[in-house]
Amino acid sequence: MASTEQDKRLRAELAQELGFYPASLDPADIDRHRRLNAALDRAPTLDRIHRKFAHLREEERRAYVEARGRVQVADLFE
């Protein structure tokens, strides 16, 4: 099935909006792509996730430093 000029224009507009050329011009498919893009925009960034779990990395770092320090001074207490 050949694309009409109107279909080509619509695909170009949708490509600009969605960031890719949709395979289907079905309104239900386009709505689904819009919903998925909106959900992706609301998803937390990697930086936010990194900050959220920073306390776990800090706890692991402290445990490592403490264990290393105990090994270094163990001969003083023997």
Protein backbone atom coordinates (compact mmCIF):
# COMPACT_ATOMS: atom_id res chain seq x y z
CA MET A 1 0.00 0.00 0.00
CA ALA A 2 1.52 3.30 -1.11
CA SER A 3 1.74 6.20 1.31
CA THR A 4 -0.06 9.38 0.39
CA GLU A 5 1.44 12.83 0.88
CA GLN A 6 -0.84 13.30 3.89
CA ASP A 7 0.49 10.04 5.45
CA LYS A 8 4.07 11.12 4.82
CA ARG A 9 3.44 14.50 6.39
CA LEU A 10 1.73 12.88 9.39
CA ARG A 11 4.63 10.43 9.81
CA ALA A 12 7.12 13.32 9.72
CA GLU A 13 5.15 15.22 12.37
CA LEU A 14 4.90 12.12 14.53
CA ALA A 15 8.62 11.43 14.09
CA GLN A 16 9.38 14.90 15.37
CA GLU A 17 7.02 14.44 18.34
CA LEU A 18 7.85 10.83 19.25
CA GLY A 19 11.48 10.68 18.22
CA PHE A 20 11.01 7.89 15.68
CA TYR A 21 8.92 7.06 12.64
CA PRO A 22 5.92 4.99 13.77
CA ALA A 23 5.22 1.83 11.78
CA SER A 24 1.49 2.33 12.08
CA LEU A 25 -0.68 5.42 11.83
CA ASP A 26 -3.48 3.76 13.77
CA PRO A 27 -4.71 6.25 16.40
CA ALA A 28 -4.62 3.59 19.12
CA ASP A 29 -0.96 2.86 18.38
CA ILE A 30 -0.07 6.55 18.35
CA ASP A 31 -1.83 7.08 21.70
CA ARG A 32 0.09 4.13 23.16
CA HIS A 33 3.38 5.62 21.96
CA ARG A 34 2.47 8.97 23.49
CA ARG A 35 1.61 7.32 26.83
CA LEU A 36 4.86 5.35 26.83
CA ASN A 37 6.89 8.47 26.05
CA ALA A 38 5.13 10.35 28.86
CA ALA A 39 5.85 7.51 31.31
CA LEU A 40 9.50 7.49 30.26
CA ASP A 41 9.71 11.25 30.84
CA ARG A 42 8.41 10.74 34.40
CA ALA A 43 10.85 7.90 35.18
CA PRO A 44 13.65 8.70 37.62
CA THR A 45 17.00 9.62 36.12
CA LEU A 46 20.15 7.60 36.77
CA ASP A 47 21.48 10.48 38.86
CA ARG A 48 18.41 10.39 41.10
CA ILE A 49 18.69 6.62 41.52
CA HIS A 50 22.39 7.01 42.28
CA ARG A 51 21.64 9.54 45.03
CA LYS A 52 18.83 7.38 46.41
CA PHE A 53 21.17 4.47 47.10
CA ALA A 54 24.24 6.51 48.10
CA HIS A 55 23.80 5.55 51.75
CA LEU A 56 24.34 1.88 50.87
CA ARG A 57 27.59 2.61 49.07
CA GLU A 58 28.76 4.76 51.97
CA GLU A 59 27.97 1.98 54.47
CA GLU A 60 29.92 -0.51 52.35
CA ARG A 61 32.86 1.91 52.09
CA ARG A 62 32.92 2.45 55.87
CA ALA A 63 32.86 -1.29 56.54
CA TYR A 64 35.74 -1.80 54.11
CA VAL A 65 37.85 0.98 55.64
CA GLU A 66 37.15 -0.28 59.15
CA ALA A 67 38.10 -3.87 58.24
CA ARG A 68 41.28 -2.70 56.52
CA GLY A 69 42.21 -0.60 59.56
CA ARG A 70 41.63 -3.54 61.91
CA VAL A 71 43.96 -5.71 59.82
CA GLN A 72 46.64 -3.01 59.82
CA VAL A 73 46.65 -2.64 63.61
CA ALA A 74 46.00 -6.30 64.52
CA ASP A 75 49.69 -6.95 65.20
CA LEU A 76 49.71 -4.17 67.83
CA PHE A 77 47.25 -6.08 70.01
CA GLU A 78 48.80 -9.56 69.77
